[in-house]
PDB file of N, CA and C in Angstrom:
ATOM      1  N   MET A   1      13.104   8.183   1.257  1.00  0.00           N
ATOM      2  CA  MET A   1      12.052   7.358   0.678  1.00  0.00           C
ATOM      3  C   MET A   1      10.672   7.906   1.032  1.00  0.00           C
ATOM      4  N   LEU A   2      10.535   8.403   2.272  1.00  0.00           N
ATOM      5  CA  LEU A   2       9.236   8.953   2.663  1.00  0.00           C
ATOM      6  C   LEU A   2       8.842  10.137   1.790  1.00  0.00           C
ATOM      7  N   GLU A   3       9.821  10.940   1.395  1.00  0.00           N
ATOM      8  CA  GLU A   3       9.525  12.065   0.511  1.00  0.00           C
ATOM      9  C   GLU A   3       8.906  11.557  -0.794  1.00  0.00           C
ATOM     10  N   ALA A   4       9.461  10.499  -1.331  1.00  0.00           N
ATOM     11  CA  ALA A   4       8.928   9.920  -2.563  1.00  0.00           C
ATOM     12  C   ALA A   4       7.532   9.341  -2.331  1.00  0.00           C
ATOM     13  N   ILE A   5       7.343   8.641  -1.229  1.00  0.00           N
ATOM     14  CA  ILE A   5       6.030   8.056  -0.936  1.00  0.00           C
ATOM     15  C   ILE A   5       4.982   9.152  -0.802  1.00  0.00           C
ATOM     16  N   PHE A   6       5.295  10.204  -0.044  1.00  0.00           N
ATOM     17  CA  PHE A   6       4.329  11.299   0.127  1.00  0.00           C
ATOM     18  C   PHE A   6       4.013  11.970  -1.209  1.00  0.00           C
ATOM     19  N   HIS A   7       5.037  12.157  -2.025  1.00  0.00           N
ATOM     20  CA  HIS A   7       4.814  12.755  -3.348  1.00  0.00           C
ATOM     21  C   HIS A   7       3.887  11.864  -4.181  1.00  0.00           C
ATOM     22  N   LEU A   8       4.178  10.590  -4.221  1.00  0.00           N
ATOM     23  CA  LEU A   8       3.402   9.670  -5.049  1.00  0.00           C
ATOM     24  C   LEU A   8       1.986   9.494  -4.526  1.00  0.00           C
ATOM     25  N   MET A   9       1.831   9.516  -3.207  1.00  0.00           N
ATOM     26  CA  MET A   9       0.477   9.421  -2.652  1.00  0.00           C
ATOM     27  C   MET A   9      -0.349  10.653  -3.016  1.00  0.00           C
ATOM     28  N   GLY A  10       0.319  11.751  -3.276  1.00  0.00           N
ATOM     29  CA  GLY A  10      -0.367  12.954  -3.719  1.00  0.00           C
ATOM     30  C   GLY A  10      -0.914  12.842  -5.135  1.00  0.00           C
ATOM     31  N   GLN A  11      -0.526  11.808  -5.854  1.00  0.00           N
ATOM     32  CA  GLN A  11      -0.995  11.605  -7.221  1.00  0.00           C
ATOM     33  C   GLN A  11      -2.375  10.949  -7.270  1.00  0.00           C
ATOM     34  N   PHE A  12      -2.806  10.403  -6.145  1.00  0.00           N
ATOM     35  CA  PHE A  12      -4.129   9.762  -6.075  1.00  0.00           C
ATOM     36  C   PHE A  12      -4.800  10.223  -4.791  1.00  0.00           C
ATOM     37  N   ASN A  13      -5.937  10.866  -4.918  1.00  0.00           N
ATOM     38  CA  ASN A  13      -6.649  11.396  -3.764  1.00  0.00           C
ATOM     39  C   ASN A  13      -7.703  10.383  -3.302  1.00  0.00           C
ATOM     40  N   VAL A  14      -7.389   9.668  -2.239  1.00  0.00           N
ATOM     41  CA  VAL A  14      -8.291   8.639  -1.705  1.00  0.00           C
ATOM     42  C   VAL A  14      -9.621   9.252  -1.291  1.00  0.00           C
ATOM     43  N   TYR A  15      -9.555  10.410  -0.650  1.00  0.00           N
ATOM     44  CA  TYR A  15     -10.779  11.068  -0.178  1.00  0.00           C
ATOM     45  C   TYR A  15     -11.754  11.332  -1.327  1.00  0.00           C
ATOM     46  N   GLU A  16     -11.243  11.879  -2.411  1.00  0.00           N
ATOM     47  CA  GLU A  16     -12.105  12.180  -3.555  1.00  0.00           C
ATOM     48  C   GLU A  16     -12.536  10.919  -4.300  1.00  0.00           C
ATOM     49  N   ALA A  17     -11.611  10.003  -4.505  1.00  0.00           N
ATOM     50  CA  ALA A  17     -11.912   8.800  -5.281  1.00  0.00           C
ATOM     51  C   ALA A  17     -13.000   7.959  -4.625  1.00  0.00           C
ATOM     52  N   TYR A  18     -13.005   7.923  -3.290  1.00  0.00           N
ATOM     53  CA  TYR A  18     -13.971   7.078  -2.579  1.00  0.00           C
ATOM     54  C   TYR A  18     -15.028   7.884  -1.828  1.00  0.00           C
ATOM     55  N   ASN A  19     -14.974   9.211  -1.969  1.00  0.00           N
ATOM     56  CA  ASN A  19     -15.944  10.079  -1.311  1.00  0.00           C
ATOM     57  C   ASN A  19     -16.057   9.784   0.186  1.00  0.00           C
ATOM     58  N   VAL A  20     -14.901   9.806   0.861  1.00  0.00           N
ATOM     59  CA  VAL A  20     -14.856   9.568   2.301  1.00  0.00           C
ATOM     60  C   VAL A  20     -14.196  10.753   3.001  1.00  0.00           C
ATOM     61  N   GLU A  21     -14.505  10.897   4.272  1.00  0.00           N
ATOM     62  CA  GLU A  21     -13.888  11.949   5.077  1.00  0.00           C
ATOM     63  C   GLU A  21     -12.654  11.445   5.816  1.00  0.00           C
ATOM     64  N   ASN A  22     -12.543  10.118   5.981  1.00  0.00           N
ATOM     65  CA  ASN A  22     -11.388   9.551   6.657  1.00  0.00           C
ATOM     66  C   ASN A  22     -11.157   8.122   6.183  1.00  0.00           C
ATOM     67  N   TYR A  23      -9.974   7.644   6.418  1.00  0.00           N
ATOM     68  CA  TYR A  23      -9.639   6.258   6.101  1.00  0.00           C
ATOM     69  C   TYR A  23      -8.442   5.861   6.945  1.00  0.00           C
ATOM     70  N   LEU A  24      -8.263   4.563   7.107  1.00  0.00           N
ATOM     71  CA  LEU A  24      -7.134   4.032   7.878  1.00  0.00           C
ATOM     72  C   LEU A  24      -5.974   3.766   6.928  1.00  0.00           C
ATOM     73  N   THR A  25      -4.800   4.212   7.327  1.00  0.00           N
ATOM     74  CA  THR A  25      -3.601   3.958   6.533  1.00  0.00           C
ATOM     75  C   THR A  25      -2.466   3.557   7.466  1.00  0.00           C
ATOM     76  N   ALA A  26      -1.365   3.172   6.894  1.00  0.00           N
ATOM     77  CA  ALA A  26      -0.177   2.801   7.678  1.00  0.00           C
ATOM     78  C   ALA A  26       1.038   2.963   6.783  1.00  0.00           C
ATOM     79  N   TYR A  27       2.194   3.008   7.390  1.00  0.00           N
ATOM     80  CA  TYR A  27       3.443   3.087   6.636  1.00  0.00           C
ATOM     81  C   TYR A  27       4.343   1.956   7.097  1.00  0.00           C
ATOM     82  N   GLY A  28       4.551   1.009   6.203  1.00  0.00           N
ATOM     83  CA  GLY A  28       5.454  -0.094   6.491  1.00  0.00           C
ATOM     84  C   GLY A  28       4.739  -1.379   6.843  1.00  0.00           C
ATOM     85  N   LEU A  29       5.098  -2.419   6.145  1.00  0.00           N
ATOM     86  CA  LEU A  29       4.613  -3.765   6.429  1.00  0.00           C
ATOM     87  C   LEU A  29       5.817  -4.675   6.250  1.00  0.00           C
ATOM     88  N   CYS A  30       6.195  -5.332   7.324  1.00  0.00           N
ATOM     89  CA  CYS A  30       7.396  -6.154   7.262  1.00  0.00           C
ATOM     90  C   CYS A  30       7.200  -7.416   8.096  1.00  0.00           C
ATOM     91  N   VAL A  31       7.586  -8.535   7.540  1.00  0.00           N
ATOM     92  CA  VAL A  31       7.557  -9.812   8.244  1.00  0.00           C
ATOM     93  C   VAL A  31       8.984 -10.339   8.262  1.00  0.00           C
ATOM     94  N   ASN A  32       9.417 -10.805   9.401  1.00  0.00           N
ATOM     95  CA  ASN A  32      10.745 -11.387   9.545  1.00  0.00           C
ATOM     96  C   ASN A  32      10.947 -12.444   8.457  1.00  0.00           C
ATOM     97  N   PRO A  33      12.064 -12.408   7.751  1.00  0.00           N
ATOM     98  CA  PRO A  33      12.294 -13.370   6.668  1.00  0.00           C
ATOM     99  C   PRO A  33      12.101 -14.833   7.082  1.00  0.00           C
ATOM    100  N   SER A  34      12.366 -15.159   8.321  1.00  0.00           N
ATOM    101  CA  SER A  34      12.193 -16.542   8.783  1.00  0.00           C
ATOM    102  C   SER A  34      10.734 -16.988   8.779  1.00  0.00           C
ATOM    103  N   TYR A  35       9.809 -16.016   8.764  1.00  0.00           N
ATOM    104  CA  TYR A  35       8.388 -16.335   8.859  1.00  0.00           C
ATOM    105  C   TYR A  35       7.609 -15.987   7.593  1.00  0.00           C
ATOM    106  N   ARG A  36       8.285 -15.588   6.553  1.00  0.00           N
ATOM    107  CA  ARG A  36       7.600 -15.232   5.308  1.00  0.00           C
ATOM    108  C   ARG A  36       7.036 -16.468   4.630  1.00  0.00           C
ATOM    109  N   GLY A  37       6.029 -16.249   3.810  1.00  0.00           N
ATOM    110  CA  GLY A  37       5.401 -17.344   3.078  1.00  0.00           C
ATOM    111  C   GLY A  37       4.352 -18.081   3.878  1.00  0.00           C
ATOM    112  N   ARG A  38       3.989 -17.553   5.030  1.00  0.00           N
ATOM    113  CA  ARG A  38       2.993 -18.209   5.889  1.00  0.00           C
ATOM    114  C   ARG A  38       1.676 -17.439   5.955  1.00  0.00           C
ATOM    115  N   GLY A  39       1.573 -16.362   5.184  1.00  0.00           N
ATOM    116  CA  GLY A  39       0.335 -15.583   5.161  1.00  0.00           C
ATOM    117  C   GLY A  39       0.222 -14.562   6.278  1.00  0.00           C
ATOM    118  N   ILE A  40       1.309 -14.310   6.980  1.00  0.00           N
ATOM    119  CA  ILE A  40       1.275 -13.378   8.110  1.00  0.00           C
ATOM    120  C   ILE A  40       0.966 -11.957   7.631  1.00  0.00           C
ATOM    121  N   ALA A  41       1.612 -11.510   6.563  1.00  0.00           N
ATOM    122  CA  ALA A  41       1.365 -10.152   6.055  1.00  0.00           C
ATOM    123  C   ALA A  41      -0.091  -9.981   5.632  1.00  0.00           C
ATOM    124  N   THR A  42      -0.638 -11.001   4.991  1.00  0.00           N
ATOM    125  CA  THR A  42      -2.043 -10.944   4.575  1.00  0.00           C
ATOM    126  C   THR A  42      -2.953 -10.812   5.787  1.00  0.00           C
ATOM    127  N   GLU A  43      -2.667 -11.563   6.835  1.00  0.00           N
ATOM    128  CA  GLU A  43      -3.491 -11.486   8.040  1.00  0.00           C
ATOM    129  C   GLU A  43      -3.327 -10.152   8.767  1.00  0.00           C
ATOM    130  N   ILE A  44      -2.125  -9.585   8.733  1.00  0.00           N
ATOM    131  CA  ILE A  44      -1.920  -8.249   9.317  1.00  0.00           C
ATOM    132  C   ILE A  44      -2.806  -7.244   8.585  1.00  0.00           C
ATOM    133  N   LEU A  45      -2.855  -7.336   7.266  1.00  0.00           N
ATOM    134  CA  LEU A  45      -3.689  -6.417   6.491  1.00  0.00           C
ATOM    135  C   LEU A  45      -5.173  -6.676   6.724  1.00  0.00           C
ATOM    136  N   ARG A  46      -5.567  -7.927   6.847  1.00  0.00           N
ATOM    137  CA  ARG A  46      -6.972  -8.246   7.144  1.00  0.00           C
ATOM    138  C   ARG A  46      -7.371  -7.770   8.538  1.00  0.00           C
ATOM    139  N   ALA A  47      -6.402  -7.667   9.443  1.00  0.00           N
ATOM    140  CA  ALA A  47      -6.689  -7.209  10.804  1.00  0.00           C
ATOM    141  C   ALA A  47      -7.172  -5.762  10.822  1.00  0.00           C
ATOM    142  N   ARG A  48      -6.967  -5.044   9.753  1.00  0.00           N
ATOM    143  CA  ARG A  48      -7.482  -3.679   9.672  1.00  0.00           C
ATOM    144  C   ARG A  48      -9.003  -3.652   9.618  1.00  0.00           C
ATOM    145  N   ILE A  49      -9.621  -4.734   9.149  1.00  0.00           N
ATOM    146  CA  ILE A  49     -11.082  -4.762   8.998  1.00  0.00           C
ATOM    147  C   ILE A  49     -11.779  -4.555  10.341  1.00  0.00           C
ATOM    148  N   PRO A  50     -11.505  -5.345  11.376  1.00  0.00           N
ATOM    149  CA  PRO A  50     -12.186  -5.094  12.651  1.00  0.00           C
ATOM    150  C   PRO A  50     -11.810  -3.747  13.277  1.00  0.00           C
ATOM    151  N   VAL A  51     -10.590  -3.287  13.032  1.00  0.00           N
ATOM    152  CA  VAL A  51     -10.190  -1.968  13.539  1.00  0.00           C
ATOM    153  C   VAL A  51     -11.057  -0.893  12.878  1.00  0.00           C
ATOM    154  N   CYS A  52     -11.188  -0.965  11.563  1.00  0.00           N
ATOM    155  CA  CYS A  52     -12.022   0.007  10.847  1.00  0.00           C
ATOM    156  C   CYS A  52     -13.470  -0.049  11.331  1.00  0.00           C
ATOM    157  N   LYS A  53     -13.986  -1.251  11.466  1.00  0.00           N
ATOM    158  CA  LYS A  53     -15.373  -1.390  11.919  1.00  0.00           C
ATOM    159  C   LYS A  53     -15.557  -0.795  13.307  1.00  0.00           C
ATOM    160  N   ALA A  54     -14.621  -1.043  14.192  1.00  0.00           N
ATOM    161  CA  ALA A  54     -14.718  -0.513  15.561  1.00  0.00           C
ATOM    162  C   ALA A  54     -14.668   1.010  15.579  1.00  0.00           C
ATOM    163  N   LEU A  55     -13.972   1.592  14.616  1.00  0.00           N
ATOM    164  CA  LEU A  55     -13.829   3.049  14.559  1.00  0.00           C
ATOM    165  C   LEU A  55     -14.835   3.714  13.622  1.00  0.00           C
ATOM    166  N   GLY A  56     -15.661   2.908  12.964  1.00  0.00           N
ATOM    167  CA  GLY A  56     -16.644   3.461  12.037  1.00  0.00           C
ATOM    168  C   GLY A  56     -16.018   3.994  10.753  1.00  0.00           C
ATOM    169  N   ILE A  57     -14.920   3.390  10.340  1.00  0.00           N
ATOM    170  CA  ILE A  57     -14.214   3.795   9.120  1.00  0.00           C
ATOM    171  C   ILE A  57     -14.505   2.764   8.033  1.00  0.00           C
ATOM    172  N   SER A  58     -14.847   3.245   6.845  1.00  0.00           N
ATOM    173  CA  SER A  58     -15.276   2.333   5.781  1.00  0.00           C
ATOM    174  C   SER A  58     -14.197   1.977   4.767  1.00  0.00           C
ATOM    175  N   LEU A  59     -12.960   2.448   5.013  1.00  0.00           N
ATOM    176  CA  LEU A  59     -11.943   2.273   3.988  1.00  0.00           C
ATOM    177  C   LEU A  59     -10.554   2.234   4.607  1.00  0.00           C
ATOM    178  N   THR A  60      -9.692   1.391   4.057  1.00  0.00           N
ATOM    179  CA  THR A  60      -8.282   1.419   4.403  1.00  0.00           C
ATOM    180  C   THR A  60      -7.487   1.453   3.105  1.00  0.00           C
ATOM    181  N   SER A  61      -6.473   2.300   3.065  1.00  0.00           N
ATOM    182  CA  SER A  61      -5.692   2.485   1.848  1.00  0.00           C
ATOM    183  C   SER A  61      -4.245   2.763   2.231  1.00  0.00           C
ATOM    184  N   THR A  62      -3.329   2.192   1.474  1.00  0.00           N
ATOM    185  CA  THR A  62      -1.913   2.313   1.810  1.00  0.00           C
ATOM    186  C   THR A  62      -1.064   2.303   0.547  1.00  0.00           C
ATOM    187  N   ALA A  63       0.106   2.902   0.633  1.00  0.00           N
ATOM    188  CA  ALA A  63       1.109   2.811  -0.408  1.00  0.00           C
ATOM    189  C   ALA A  63       1.919   1.532  -0.169  1.00  0.00           C
ATOM    190  N   PHE A  64       1.991   0.696  -1.167  1.00  0.00           N
ATOM    191  CA  PHE A  64       2.738  -0.553  -1.073  1.00  0.00           C
ATOM    192  C   PHE A  64       3.923  -0.463  -2.031  1.00  0.00           C
ATOM    193  N   THR A  65       5.132  -0.531  -1.477  1.00  0.00           N
ATOM    194  CA  THR A  65       6.338  -0.333  -2.268  1.00  0.00           C
ATOM    195  C   THR A  65       7.066  -1.631  -2.625  1.00  0.00           C
ATOM    196  N   GLY A  66       6.713  -2.729  -1.966  1.00  0.00           N
ATOM    197  CA  GLY A  66       7.386  -3.999  -2.208  1.00  0.00           C
ATOM    198  C   GLY A  66       6.446  -5.045  -2.775  1.00  0.00           C
ATOM    199  N   ILE A  67       6.975  -5.942  -3.591  1.00  0.00           N
ATOM    200  CA  ILE A  67       6.161  -6.975  -4.222  1.00  0.00           C
ATOM    201  C   ILE A  67       5.497  -7.882  -3.185  1.00  0.00           C
ATOM    202  N   GLY A  68       6.197  -8.181  -2.096  1.00  0.00           N
ATOM    203  CA  GLY A  68       5.610  -9.043  -1.061  1.00  0.00           C
ATOM    204  C   GLY A  68       4.377  -8.426  -0.441  1.00  0.00           C
ATOM    205  N   SER A  69       4.451  -7.145  -0.127  1.00  0.00           N
ATOM    206  CA  SER A  69       3.289  -6.483   0.476  1.00  0.00           C
ATOM    207  C   SER A  69       2.179  -6.283  -0.551  1.00  0.00           C
ATOM    208  N   GLN A  70       2.542  -6.068  -1.806  1.00  0.00           N
ATOM    209  CA  GLN A  70       1.526  -5.928  -2.855  1.00  0.00           C
ATOM    210  C   GLN A  70       0.760  -7.235  -3.050  1.00  0.00           C
ATOM    211  N   VAL A  71       1.474  -8.344  -3.034  1.00  0.00           N
ATOM    212  CA  VAL A  71       0.827  -9.658  -3.180  1.00  0.00           C
ATOM    213  C   VAL A  71      -0.060  -9.942  -1.968  1.00  0.00           C
ATOM    214  N   ALA A  72       0.441  -9.642  -0.772  1.00  0.00           N
ATOM    215  CA  ALA A  72      -0.351  -9.855   0.443  1.00  0.00           C
ATOM    216  C   ALA A  72      -1.613  -9.004   0.421  1.00  0.00           C
ATOM    217  N   ALA A  73      -1.492  -7.761  -0.015  1.00  0.00           N
ATOM    218  CA  ALA A  73      -2.655  -6.873  -0.080  1.00  0.00           C
ATOM    219  C   ALA A  73      -3.687  -7.410  -1.066  1.00  0.00           C
ATOM    220  N   LYS A  74      -3.236  -7.881  -2.211  1.00  0.00           N
ATOM    221  CA  LYS A  74      -4.152  -8.454  -3.203  1.00  0.00           C
ATOM    222  C   LYS A  74      -4.886  -9.657  -2.609  1.00  0.00           C
ATOM    223  N   LYS A  75      -4.160 -10.521  -1.890  1.00  0.00           N
ATOM    224  CA  LYS A  75      -4.780 -11.692  -1.257  1.00  0.00           C
ATOM    225  C   LYS A  75      -5.797 -11.283  -0.187  1.00  0.00           C
ATOM    226  N   ALA A  76      -5.544 -10.145   0.454  1.00  0.00           N
ATOM    227  CA  ALA A  76      -6.454  -9.657   1.499  1.00  0.00           C
ATOM    228  C   ALA A  76      -7.665  -8.927   0.923  1.00  0.00           C
ATOM    229  N   GLY A  77      -7.688  -8.766  -0.395  1.00  0.00           N
ATOM    230  CA  GLY A  77      -8.840  -8.151  -1.037  1.00  0.00           C
ATOM    231  C   GLY A  77      -8.657  -6.696  -1.451  1.00  0.00           C
ATOM    232  N   TYR A  78      -7.469  -6.154  -1.309  1.00  0.00           N
ATOM    233  CA  TYR A  78      -7.205  -4.777  -1.708  1.00  0.00           C
ATOM    234  C   TYR A  78      -7.185  -4.682  -3.229  1.00  0.00           C
ATOM    235  N   VAL A  79      -7.581  -3.524  -3.739  1.00  0.00           N
ATOM    236  CA  VAL A  79      -7.566  -3.282  -5.184  1.00  0.00           C
ATOM    237  C   VAL A  79      -6.528  -2.207  -5.501  1.00  0.00           C
ATOM    238  N   ASP A  80      -5.996  -2.268  -6.709  1.00  0.00           N
ATOM    239  CA  ASP A  80      -5.033  -1.262  -7.170  1.00  0.00           C
ATOM    240  C   ASP A  80      -5.772   0.019  -7.535  1.00  0.00           C
ATOM    241  N   ASP A  81      -5.325   1.130  -6.961  1.00  0.00           N
ATOM    242  CA  ASP A  81      -5.897   2.426  -7.308  1.00  0.00           C
ATOM    243  C   ASP A  81      -4.935   3.259  -8.141  1.00  0.00           C
ATOM    244  N   TYR A  82      -3.666   3.134  -7.869  1.00  0.00           N
ATOM    245  CA  TYR A  82      -2.665   3.941  -8.565  1.00  0.00           C
ATOM    246  C   TYR A  82      -1.385   3.124  -8.629  1.00  0.00           C
ATOM    247  N   THR A  83      -0.805   3.067  -9.806  1.00  0.00           N
ATOM    248  CA  THR A  83       0.447   2.339 -10.002  1.00  0.00           C
ATOM    249  C   THR A  83       1.392   3.205 -10.828  1.00  0.00           C
ATOM    250  N   ILE A  84       2.644   3.228 -10.405  1.00  0.00           N
ATOM    251  CA  ILE A  84       3.676   3.912 -11.187  1.00  0.00           C
ATOM    252  C   ILE A  84       4.918   3.019 -11.173  1.00  0.00           C
ATOM    253  N   ASP A  85       5.500   2.816 -12.351  1.00  0.00           N
ATOM    254  CA  ASP A  85       6.711   2.001 -12.454  1.00  0.00           C
ATOM    255  C   ASP A  85       7.871   2.708 -11.773  1.00  0.00           C
ATOM    256  N   TYR A  86       8.753   1.930 -11.161  1.00  0.00           N
ATOM    257  CA  TYR A  86       9.903   2.512 -10.488  1.00  0.00           C
ATOM    258  C   TYR A  86      10.835   3.244 -11.462  1.00  0.00           C
ATOM    259  N   GLU A  87      10.830   2.861 -12.726  1.00  0.00           N
ATOM    260  CA  GLU A  87      11.614   3.617 -13.718  1.00  0.00           C
ATOM    261  C   GLU A  87      11.137   5.070 -13.755  1.00  0.00           C
ATOM    262  N   ASP A  88       9.818   5.265 -13.675  1.00  0.00           N
ATOM    263  CA  ASP A  88       9.255   6.616 -13.680  1.00  0.00           C
ATOM    264  C   ASP A  88       9.530   7.343 -12.367  1.00  0.00           C
ATOM    265  N   VAL A  89       9.562   6.593 -11.270  1.00  0.00           N
ATOM    266  CA  VAL A  89       9.901   7.198  -9.973  1.00  0.00           C
ATOM    267  C   VAL A  89      11.331   7.710 -10.007  1.00  0.00           C
ATOM    268  N   GLU A  90      12.217   6.958 -10.630  1.00  0.00           N
ATOM    269  CA  GLU A  90      13.623   7.368 -10.738  1.00  0.00           C
ATOM    270  C   GLU A  90      13.777   8.662 -11.541  1.00  0.00           C
ATOM    271  N   GLU A  91      12.881   8.899 -12.492  1.00  0.00           N
ATOM    272  CA  GLU A  91      12.926  10.147 -13.244  1.00  0.00           C
ATOM    273  C   GLU A  91      12.540  11.331 -12.357  1.00  0.00           C
ATOM    274  N   ILE A  92      11.597  11.113 -11.455  1.00  0.00           N
ATOM    275  CA  ILE A  92      11.161  12.173 -10.533  1.00  0.00           C
ATOM    276  C   ILE A  92      12.182  12.359  -9.418  1.00  0.00           C
ATOM    277  N   PHE A  93      12.726  11.246  -8.928  1.00  0.00           N
ATOM    278  CA  PHE A  93      13.706  11.241  -7.834  1.00  0.00           C
ATOM    279  C   PHE A  93      14.967  10.530  -8.312  1.00  0.00           C
ATOM    280  N   PRO A  94      15.841  11.234  -9.027  1.00  0.00           N
ATOM    281  CA  PRO A  94      17.014  10.592  -9.644  1.00  0.00           C
ATOM    282  C   PRO A  94      18.013   9.995  -8.653  1.00  0.00           C
ATOM    283  N   ASN A  95      17.888  10.316  -7.371  1.00  0.00           N
ATOM    284  CA  ASN A  95      18.813   9.741  -6.388  1.00  0.00           C
ATOM    285  C   ASN A  95      18.437   8.311  -6.006  1.00  0.00           C
ATOM    286  N   PHE A  96      17.287   7.825  -6.471  1.00  0.00           N
ATOM    287  CA  PHE A  96      16.877   6.443  -6.198  1.00  0.00           C
ATOM    288  C   PHE A  96      17.298   5.541  -7.341  1.00  0.00           C
ATOM    289  N   ASP A  97      17.646   4.298  -6.988  1.00  0.00           N
ATOM    290  CA  ASP A  97      18.003   3.301  -7.989  1.00  0.00           C
ATOM    291  C   ASP A  97      17.279   2.007  -7.631  1.00  0.00           C
ATOM    292  N   PHE A  98      16.250   1.693  -8.383  1.00  0.00           N
ATOM    293  CA  PHE A  98      15.459   0.487  -8.136  1.00  0.00           C
ATOM    294  C   PHE A  98      15.822  -0.636  -9.108  1.00  0.00           C
ATOM    295  N   SER A  99      16.905  -0.479  -9.832  1.00  0.00           N
ATOM    296  CA  SER A  99      17.248  -1.428 -10.886  1.00  0.00           C
ATOM    297  C   SER A  99      17.469  -2.856 -10.377  1.00  0.00           C
ATOM    298  N   LYS A 100      17.857  -3.014  -9.131  1.00  0.00           N
ATOM    299  CA  LYS A 100      18.090  -4.357  -8.581  1.00  0.00           C
ATOM    300  C   LYS A 100      16.918  -4.865  -7.749  1.00  0.00           C
ATOM    301  N   SER A 101      15.863  -4.086  -7.681  1.00  0.00           N
ATOM    302  CA  SER A 101      14.703  -4.460  -6.878  1.00  0.00           C
ATOM    303  C   SER A 101      13.840  -5.481  -7.613  1.00  0.00           C
ATOM    304  N   PRO A 102      13.333  -6.492  -6.901  1.00  0.00           N
ATOM    305  CA  PRO A 102      12.405  -7.431  -7.536  1.00  0.00           C
ATOM    306  C   PRO A 102      11.034  -6.789  -7.790  1.00  0.00           C
ATOM    307  N   THR A 103      10.788  -5.656  -7.135  1.00  0.00           N
ATOM    308  CA  THR A 103       9.531  -4.943  -7.298  1.00  0.00           C
ATOM    309  C   THR A 103       9.684  -3.958  -8.446  1.00  0.00           C
ATOM    310  N   LYS A 104       8.719  -3.945  -9.320  1.00  0.00           N
ATOM    311  CA  LYS A 104       8.808  -3.096 -10.511  1.00  0.00           C
ATOM    312  C   LYS A 104       8.000  -1.814 -10.400  1.00  0.00           C
ATOM    313  N   ASN A 105       7.106  -1.724  -9.391  1.00  0.00           N
ATOM    314  CA  ASN A 105       6.276  -0.537  -9.293  1.00  0.00           C
ATOM    315  C   ASN A 105       5.825  -0.240  -7.872  1.00  0.00           C
ATOM    316  N   PHE A 106       5.320   0.942  -7.728  1.00  0.00           N
ATOM    317  CA  PHE A 106       4.754   1.466  -6.492  1.00  0.00           C
ATOM    318  C   PHE A 106       3.243   1.433  -6.676  1.00  0.00           C
ATOM    319  N   LYS A 107       2.505   1.035  -5.626  1.00  0.00           N
ATOM    320  CA  LYS A 107       1.054   0.967  -5.763  1.00  0.00           C
ATOM    321  C   LYS A 107       0.372   1.584  -4.548  1.00  0.00           C
ATOM    322  N   ILE A 108      -0.724   2.268  -4.823  1.00  0.00           N
ATOM    323  CA  ILE A 108      -1.655   2.624  -3.756  1.00  0.00           C
ATOM    324  C   ILE A 108      -2.800   1.648  -3.906  1.00  0.00           C
ATOM    325  N   MET A 109      -3.080   0.928  -2.821  1.00  0.00           N
ATOM    326  CA  MET A 109      -4.102  -0.121  -2.849  1.00  0.00           C
ATOM    327  C   MET A 109      -5.103   0.142  -1.729  1.00  0.00           C
ATOM    328  N   THR A 110      -6.354  -0.192  -1.985  1.00  0.00           N
ATOM    329  CA  THR A 110      -7.432   0.148  -1.070  1.00  0.00           C
ATOM    330  C   THR A 110      -8.357  -1.048  -0.854  1.00  0.00           C
ATOM    331  N   LEU A 111      -8.889  -1.100   0.363  1.00  0.00           N
ATOM    332  CA  LEU A 111      -9.870  -2.114   0.734  1.00  0.00           C
ATOM    333  C   LEU A 111     -11.084  -1.416   1.317  1.00  0.00           C
ATOM    334  N   LYS A 112     -12.247  -1.672   0.737  1.00  0.00           N
ATOM    335  CA  LYS A 112     -13.494  -1.168   1.307  1.00  0.00           C
ATOM    336  C   LYS A 112     -13.914  -2.105   2.426  1.00  0.00           C
ATOM    337  N   VAL A 113     -14.306  -1.521   3.535  1.00  0.00           N
ATOM    338  CA  VAL A 113     -14.730  -2.308   4.694  1.00  0.00           C
ATOM    339  C   VAL A 113     -16.233  -2.155   4.836  1.00  0.00           C
ATOM    340  N   ASP A 114     -16.948  -3.257   4.744  1.00  0.00           N
ATOM    341  CA  ASP A 114     -18.425  -3.215   4.856  1.00  0.00           C
ATOM    342  C   ASP A 114     -18.871  -3.443   6.279  1.00  0.00           C
TER     343      ASP A 114
END
């Protein structure tokens, strides 16, 4: 899966799109199913704001592969920069099967930190 994520992240250049030299990113956002629906993922993503400010970084951007993390990112103020449907990902990586996934696409989403 990481091979696919790295390939897809190569389709959108955060550095060029936002004219930055660095940005904060992460791989993986997961909340225990017993605690989902409480806004925890959204708050985890919002927690990047003080981290970025403390480090003098003006941007955070991540690949979001699941609908739950995409919704949380949107609630936290992230914007869609790049989207590709999983049907198209399967054409590039035929060993993947997303047909039973509730998520229909892969997104790179970004939040500007003021």
